[in-house]
Amino acid sequence: MNKQRSAGSTAVSLSLRERLLNRIDERAAALGMNRSSYFSYLAAKDISDGGPLTIIPLDDVEPPSEEVKKKLRKTKFPDRK
């Protein structure tokens, strides 16, 4: 069964720990959003804000690999608008 998507939208697959996904769903619901809208909002806000990405260790999130950390340190971010 194919889910109807709005024009210009596509599906993505993410691997998340179940506890984190539950917390995401709870937060999205508290904001009156569905999961997709929540992820879209967070990504759009981060891209709009620019600057370095602060990674805070959480119990239910695997820490980024050293390779990812290295790429983040080398990433050039545009100035904030």
C-alpha atoms as a PDB file:
ATOM      1  CA  MET A   1       0.000   0.000   0.000  1.00  0.00           C
ATOM      2  CA  ASN A   2       1.495   3.323  -1.080  1.00  0.00           C
ATOM      3  CA  LYS A   3       1.010   6.280   1.207  1.00  0.00           C
ATOM      4  CA  GLN A   4      -0.064   9.510  -0.469  1.00  0.00           C
ATOM      5  CA  ARG A   5       2.540  12.239  -0.123  1.00  0.00           C
ATOM      6  CA  SER A   6       2.338  15.903  -0.873  1.00  0.00           C
ATOM      7  CA  ALA A   7       3.929  17.105  -4.107  1.00  0.00           C
ATOM      8  CA  GLY A   8       7.700  17.312  -3.880  1.00  0.00           C
ATOM      9  CA  SER A   9       7.904  15.012  -0.845  1.00  0.00           C
ATOM     10  CA  THR A  10       9.742  11.732  -0.667  1.00  0.00           C
ATOM     11  CA  ALA A  11      10.078   8.975   1.908  1.00  0.00           C
ATOM     12  CA  VAL A  12      13.290   8.351   3.861  1.00  0.00           C
ATOM     13  CA  SER A  13      14.324   5.560   6.163  1.00  0.00           C
ATOM     14  CA  LEU A  14      16.053   6.179   9.501  1.00  0.00           C
ATOM     15  CA  SER A  15      17.368   3.781  12.100  1.00  0.00           C
ATOM     16  CA  LEU A  16      16.654   5.040  15.616  1.00  0.00           C
ATOM     17  CA  ARG A  17      16.526   3.423  18.991  1.00  0.00           C
ATOM     18  CA  GLU A  18      12.964   2.674  20.015  1.00  0.00           C
ATOM     19  CA  ARG A  19      13.123   4.800  23.173  1.00  0.00           C
ATOM     20  CA  LEU A  20      14.312   7.813  21.184  1.00  0.00           C
ATOM     21  CA  LEU A  21      11.590   7.327  18.576  1.00  0.00           C
ATOM     22  CA  ASN A  22       8.982   7.212  21.336  1.00  0.00           C
ATOM     23  CA  ARG A  23      10.330  10.462  22.787  1.00  0.00           C
ATOM     24  CA  ILE A  24      10.298  12.068  19.331  1.00  0.00           C
ATOM     25  CA  ASP A  25       6.688  11.016  18.793  1.00  0.00           C
ATOM     26  CA  GLU A  26       5.694  12.367  22.221  1.00  0.00           C
ATOM     27  CA  ARG A  27       7.409  15.705  21.567  1.00  0.00           C
ATOM     28  CA  ALA A  28       5.917  16.028  18.086  1.00  0.00           C
ATOM     29  CA  ALA A  29       2.442  15.262  19.441  1.00  0.00           C
ATOM     30  CA  ALA A  30       2.880  17.833  22.215  1.00  0.00           C
ATOM     31  CA  LEU A  31       3.654  20.398  19.506  1.00  0.00           C
ATOM     32  CA  GLY A  32       0.654  19.320  17.411  1.00  0.00           C
ATOM     33  CA  MET A  33       2.891  17.863  14.687  1.00  0.00           C
ATOM     34  CA  ASN A  34       3.361  14.479  13.155  1.00  0.00           C
ATOM     35  CA  ARG A  35       6.794  12.850  13.109  1.00  0.00           C
ATOM     36  CA  SER A  36       7.602  13.928   9.541  1.00  0.00           C
ATOM     37  CA  SER A  37       6.717  17.550  10.246  1.00  0.00           C
ATOM     38  CA  TYR A  38       8.839  17.491  13.396  1.00  0.00           C
ATOM     39  CA  PHE A  39      11.915  16.159  11.567  1.00  0.00           C
ATOM     40  CA  SER A  40      11.347  18.588   8.694  1.00  0.00           C
ATOM     41  CA  TYR A  41      11.076  21.536  11.069  1.00  0.00           C
ATOM     42  CA  LEU A  42      14.227  20.581  12.970  1.00  0.00           C
ATOM     43  CA  ALA A  43      16.247  20.124   9.781  1.00  0.00           C
ATOM     44  CA  ALA A  44      14.991  23.368   8.232  1.00  0.00           C
ATOM     45  CA  LYS A  45      15.733  25.295  11.433  1.00  0.00           C
ATOM     46  CA  ASP A  46      19.260  23.890  11.694  1.00  0.00           C
ATOM     47  CA  ILE A  47      19.983  24.674   8.041  1.00  0.00           C
ATOM     48  CA  SER A  48      18.559  28.181   8.415  1.00  0.00           C
ATOM     49  CA  ASP A  49      20.478  28.893  11.634  1.00  0.00           C
ATOM     50  CA  GLY A  50      23.758  27.559  10.255  1.00  0.00           C
ATOM     51  CA  GLY A  51      26.822  27.426  12.423  1.00  0.00           C
ATOM     52  CA  PRO A  52      28.313  24.413  14.128  1.00  0.00           C
ATOM     53  CA  LEU A  53      26.107  21.571  15.242  1.00  0.00           C
ATOM     54  CA  THR A  54      26.325  20.951  18.973  1.00  0.00           C
ATOM     55  CA  ILE A  55      26.122  17.269  19.784  1.00  0.00           C
ATOM     56  CA  ILE A  56      25.008  16.512  23.316  1.00  0.00           C
ATOM     57  CA  PRO A  57      25.369  12.886  24.449  1.00  0.00           C
ATOM     58  CA  LEU A  58      22.041  11.293  25.358  1.00  0.00           C
ATOM     59  CA  ASP A  59      21.367   7.874  26.839  1.00  0.00           C
ATOM     60  CA  ASP A  60      19.236   6.760  23.900  1.00  0.00           C
ATOM     61  CA  VAL A  61      21.368   8.146  21.068  1.00  0.00           C
ATOM     62  CA  GLU A  62      24.529   6.536  19.795  1.00  0.00           C
ATOM     63  CA  PRO A  63      27.407   9.020  19.819  1.00  0.00           C
ATOM     64  CA  PRO A  64      28.697  10.066  16.397  1.00  0.00           C
ATOM     65  CA  SER A  65      31.669   8.158  15.049  1.00  0.00           C
ATOM     66  CA  GLU A  66      35.099   9.770  14.959  1.00  0.00           C
ATOM     67  CA  GLU A  67      34.698  10.064  11.172  1.00  0.00           C
ATOM     68  CA  VAL A  68      31.471  12.058  11.580  1.00  0.00           C
ATOM     69  CA  LYS A  69      33.052  14.273  14.253  1.00  0.00           C
ATOM     70  CA  LYS A  70      35.981  14.962  11.921  1.00  0.00           C
ATOM     71  CA  LYS A  71      33.652  15.929   9.054  1.00  0.00           C
ATOM     72  CA  LEU A  72      31.653  18.241  11.318  1.00  0.00           C
ATOM     73  CA  ARG A  73      34.824  20.022  12.433  1.00  0.00           C
ATOM     74  CA  LYS A  74      35.837  20.581   8.783  1.00  0.00           C
ATOM     75  CA  THR A  75      32.410  21.734   7.605  1.00  0.00           C
ATOM     76  CA  LYS A  76      32.245  25.370   6.490  1.00  0.00           C
ATOM     77  CA  PHE A  77      29.012  27.016   7.565  1.00  0.00           C
ATOM     78  CA  PRO A  78      27.592  30.164   5.992  1.00  0.00           C
ATOM     79  CA  ASP A  79      27.206  33.212   8.201  1.00  0.00           C
ATOM     80  CA  ARG A  80      23.884  33.512   9.957  1.00  0.00           C
ATOM     81  CA  LYS A  81      21.357  35.791   8.331  1.00  0.00           C
END
